[in-house]
Amino acid sequence: MDLHIIGLLVENKPGVLNRVSGLFSRRGFNIESISVGVTENPDISRMTITLEGDEKVLEQVIKQLNKQIDVIKVTELKEDYVERELALIKVNASNPDERSEVMQVADVFRANIIDVSKKTVTIEVTGDQEKIDAIIDMVKKHGIKELAQTGVVAMNRGKKSIKKGEENE
């Protein structure tokens, strides 16, 4: 099964996220991740949904999404796009040696230390899923106290767009 990324433009109003996610659950499809935020136009939100499935599943999902009244545009992001995720990782670091090692790992991954306490260090890292997984793997030995990850946020590169009224170039 392949992982697919779908970009949607939807009306920015109450209940839209519920209706879109409900479409997936009613048909037995699992959402791997979903990110939603308002666009440069306050009346429109961008959703980025990742799902696992074959081409038949993807085709069915896109058709169903296009039938939703609040959905303005649906695009599968499959080539020439950028994607990022964000993770906050709170790691045990109760002594100076541990703290130093965790900070070095963060530096290697170009991550930011956003909080330090007597017993923990909190790291902020952005990148693709492989980068996020790699830093998590590196700090596991210290003990991860808490982990929060966003889903994928993605958009086409360059002139390509999923803006309302614009065709992909």
Protein backbone atom coordinates (compact mmCIF):
# COMPACT_ATOMS: atom_id res chain seq x y z
CA MET A 1 0.00 0.00 0.00
CA ASP A 2 1.21 3.46 -0.88
CA LEU A 3 1.08 6.60 1.22
CA HIS A 4 -0.81 9.40 -0.55
CA ILE A 5 -0.91 13.11 0.26
CA ILE A 6 -4.07 15.01 -0.63
CA GLY A 7 -4.31 18.81 -0.56
CA LEU A 8 -7.73 20.35 -0.14
CA LEU A 9 -9.05 23.86 -0.14
CA VAL A 10 -12.22 24.07 1.94
CA GLU A 11 -14.53 26.76 3.20
CA ASN A 12 -13.36 28.06 6.57
CA LYS A 13 -16.48 27.49 8.61
CA PRO A 14 -17.63 25.28 11.49
CA GLY A 15 -18.19 21.59 10.85
CA VAL A 16 -16.09 21.25 7.68
CA LEU A 17 -13.33 19.21 9.35
CA ASN A 18 -15.95 16.94 10.90
CA ARG A 19 -17.68 16.36 7.55
CA VAL A 20 -14.40 15.62 5.75
CA SER A 21 -13.08 13.27 8.43
CA GLY A 22 -16.51 11.62 8.70
CA LEU A 23 -16.34 10.76 5.01
CA PHE A 24 -13.21 8.70 5.71
CA SER A 25 -14.63 6.87 8.72
CA ARG A 26 -17.95 6.06 7.00
CA ARG A 27 -16.05 4.33 4.22
CA GLY A 28 -13.57 2.58 6.51
CA PHE A 29 -10.51 4.55 5.37
CA ASN A 30 -7.88 5.53 7.90
CA ILE A 31 -6.37 9.01 7.95
CA GLU A 32 -2.66 8.71 8.72
CA SER A 33 -2.38 12.44 9.44
CA ILE A 34 -4.40 15.59 8.91
CA SER A 35 -3.37 19.22 9.21
CA VAL A 36 -5.70 22.18 8.80
CA GLY A 37 -5.10 25.90 8.82
CA VAL A 38 -6.46 29.10 7.35
CA THR A 39 -4.91 30.30 4.08
CA GLU A 40 -4.00 33.80 2.91
CA ASN A 41 -7.76 34.16 2.36
CA PRO A 42 -9.54 34.05 5.76
CA ASP A 43 -12.60 32.43 4.13
CA ILE A 44 -10.59 29.39 2.97
CA SER A 45 -8.66 26.73 4.89
CA ARG A 46 -6.08 24.30 3.55
CA MET A 47 -6.21 20.67 4.64
CA THR A 48 -3.39 18.25 4.08
CA ILE A 49 -4.43 14.64 4.52
CA THR A 50 -2.19 11.60 4.29
CA LEU A 51 -3.74 8.20 3.80
CA GLU A 52 -2.51 4.74 2.99
CA GLY A 53 -4.15 2.78 0.20
CA ASP A 54 -3.98 1.65 -3.38
CA GLU A 55 -4.97 3.70 -6.43
CA LYS A 56 -8.58 2.48 -6.20
CA VAL A 57 -8.91 3.77 -2.63
CA LEU A 58 -7.31 7.09 -3.58
CA GLU A 59 -9.62 7.51 -6.57
CA GLN A 60 -12.68 6.77 -4.43
CA VAL A 61 -11.59 9.23 -1.71
CA ILE A 62 -10.95 12.03 -4.21
CA LYS A 63 -14.35 11.47 -5.88
CA GLN A 64 -16.12 11.55 -2.50
CA LEU A 65 -14.23 14.66 -1.39
CA ASN A 66 -15.17 16.47 -4.60
CA LYS A 67 -18.85 15.79 -3.80
CA GLN A 68 -18.61 17.61 -0.46
CA ILE A 69 -20.29 21.02 -0.64
CA ASP A 70 -17.64 22.74 1.52
CA VAL A 71 -14.72 21.38 -0.52
CA ILE A 72 -13.47 23.89 -3.08
CA LYS A 73 -10.61 21.95 -4.65
CA VAL A 74 -8.90 18.56 -4.20
CA THR A 75 -5.41 17.73 -5.47
CA GLU A 76 -3.19 14.71 -4.94
CA LEU A 77 0.34 15.91 -4.25
CA LYS A 78 2.49 13.32 -5.93
CA GLU A 79 5.42 15.05 -7.57
CA ASP A 80 7.27 18.33 -7.29
CA TYR A 81 5.93 19.34 -3.88
CA VAL A 82 7.39 20.26 -0.50
CA GLU A 83 6.30 18.76 2.78
CA ARG A 84 7.18 19.31 6.42
CA GLU A 85 6.17 18.07 9.82
CA LEU A 86 6.83 19.51 13.25
CA ALA A 87 7.67 17.54 16.38
CA LEU A 88 8.15 18.62 19.96
CA ILE A 89 10.17 16.08 21.92
CA LYS A 90 10.62 16.32 25.70
CA VAL A 91 13.67 14.24 26.63
CA ASN A 92 15.05 13.18 30.01
CA ALA A 93 18.25 15.08 30.73
CA SER A 94 18.76 15.04 34.48
CA ASN A 95 22.54 15.48 34.46
CA PRO A 96 24.88 17.81 32.53
CA ASP A 97 26.32 15.03 30.35
CA GLU A 98 22.89 13.89 29.20
CA ARG A 99 21.79 17.48 28.60
CA SER A 100 24.92 18.15 26.54
CA GLU A 101 24.43 15.00 24.46
CA VAL A 102 20.77 15.81 23.76
CA MET A 103 21.74 19.34 22.75
CA GLN A 104 24.41 17.98 20.38
CA VAL A 105 21.87 15.67 18.73
CA ALA A 106 19.51 18.63 18.31
CA ASP A 107 22.33 20.64 16.74
CA VAL A 108 23.15 17.87 14.24
CA PHE A 109 19.51 17.78 13.13
CA ARG A 110 19.29 21.60 13.01
CA ALA A 111 16.58 21.42 15.66
CA ASN A 112 15.89 24.05 18.29
CA ILE A 113 16.01 23.67 22.04
CA ILE A 114 12.87 25.47 23.16
CA ASP A 115 12.81 24.59 26.86
CA VAL A 116 15.30 23.39 29.44
CA SER A 117 14.43 22.38 32.98
CA LYS A 118 16.39 20.60 35.73
CA LYS A 119 15.34 17.20 34.40
CA THR A 120 14.29 17.66 30.76
CA VAL A 121 15.14 19.30 27.46
CA THR A 122 12.44 20.02 24.88
CA ILE A 123 13.42 19.91 21.23
CA GLU A 124 11.54 21.44 18.29
CA VAL A 125 12.34 19.83 14.94
CA THR A 126 10.87 20.31 11.48
CA GLY A 127 11.42 18.21 8.40
CA ASP A 128 10.16 15.19 6.57
CA GLN A 129 9.03 12.05 8.38
CA GLU A 130 12.45 10.39 7.97
CA LYS A 131 14.17 13.28 9.76
CA ILE A 132 11.60 13.29 12.56
CA ASP A 133 11.94 9.51 12.99
CA ALA A 134 15.75 9.74 12.97
CA ILE A 135 15.99 12.33 15.76
CA ILE A 136 13.41 10.45 17.83
CA ASP A 137 15.50 7.31 17.43
CA MET A 138 18.66 9.18 18.50
CA VAL A 139 17.18 10.58 21.73
CA LYS A 140 15.21 7.45 22.71
CA LYS A 141 18.06 6.12 24.83
CA HIS A 142 17.68 9.11 27.17
CA GLY A 143 13.98 8.45 27.55
CA ILE A 144 11.27 10.43 25.86
CA LYS A 145 8.96 11.97 28.45
CA GLU A 146 6.50 13.40 25.94
CA LEU A 147 6.12 13.64 22.17
CA ALA A 148 3.79 15.78 20.04
CA GLN A 149 3.81 15.63 16.24
CA THR A 150 1.85 17.50 13.62
CA GLY A 151 0.73 15.81 10.48
CA VAL A 152 2.19 16.55 7.09
CA VAL A 153 1.83 20.08 5.73
CA ALA A 154 2.48 20.16 1.99
CA MET A 155 2.12 22.26 -1.12
CA ASN A 156 3.22 22.18 -4.74
CA ARG A 157 6.54 23.77 -5.67
CA GLY A 158 6.94 26.87 -7.80
CA LYS A 159 4.05 28.01 -9.97
CA LYS A 160 1.91 24.95 -9.31
CA SER A 161 -1.01 25.80 -7.07
CA ILE A 162 -4.20 24.40 -5.62
CA LYS A 163 -5.66 27.88 -5.24
CA LYS A 164 -9.31 28.38 -5.98
CA GLY A 165 -9.81 29.19 -9.64
CA GLU A 166 -6.22 28.41 -10.63
CA GLU A 167 -5.16 25.39 -12.59
CA ASN A 168 -1.91 23.59 -11.93
CA GLU A 169 0.74 24.86 -14.33
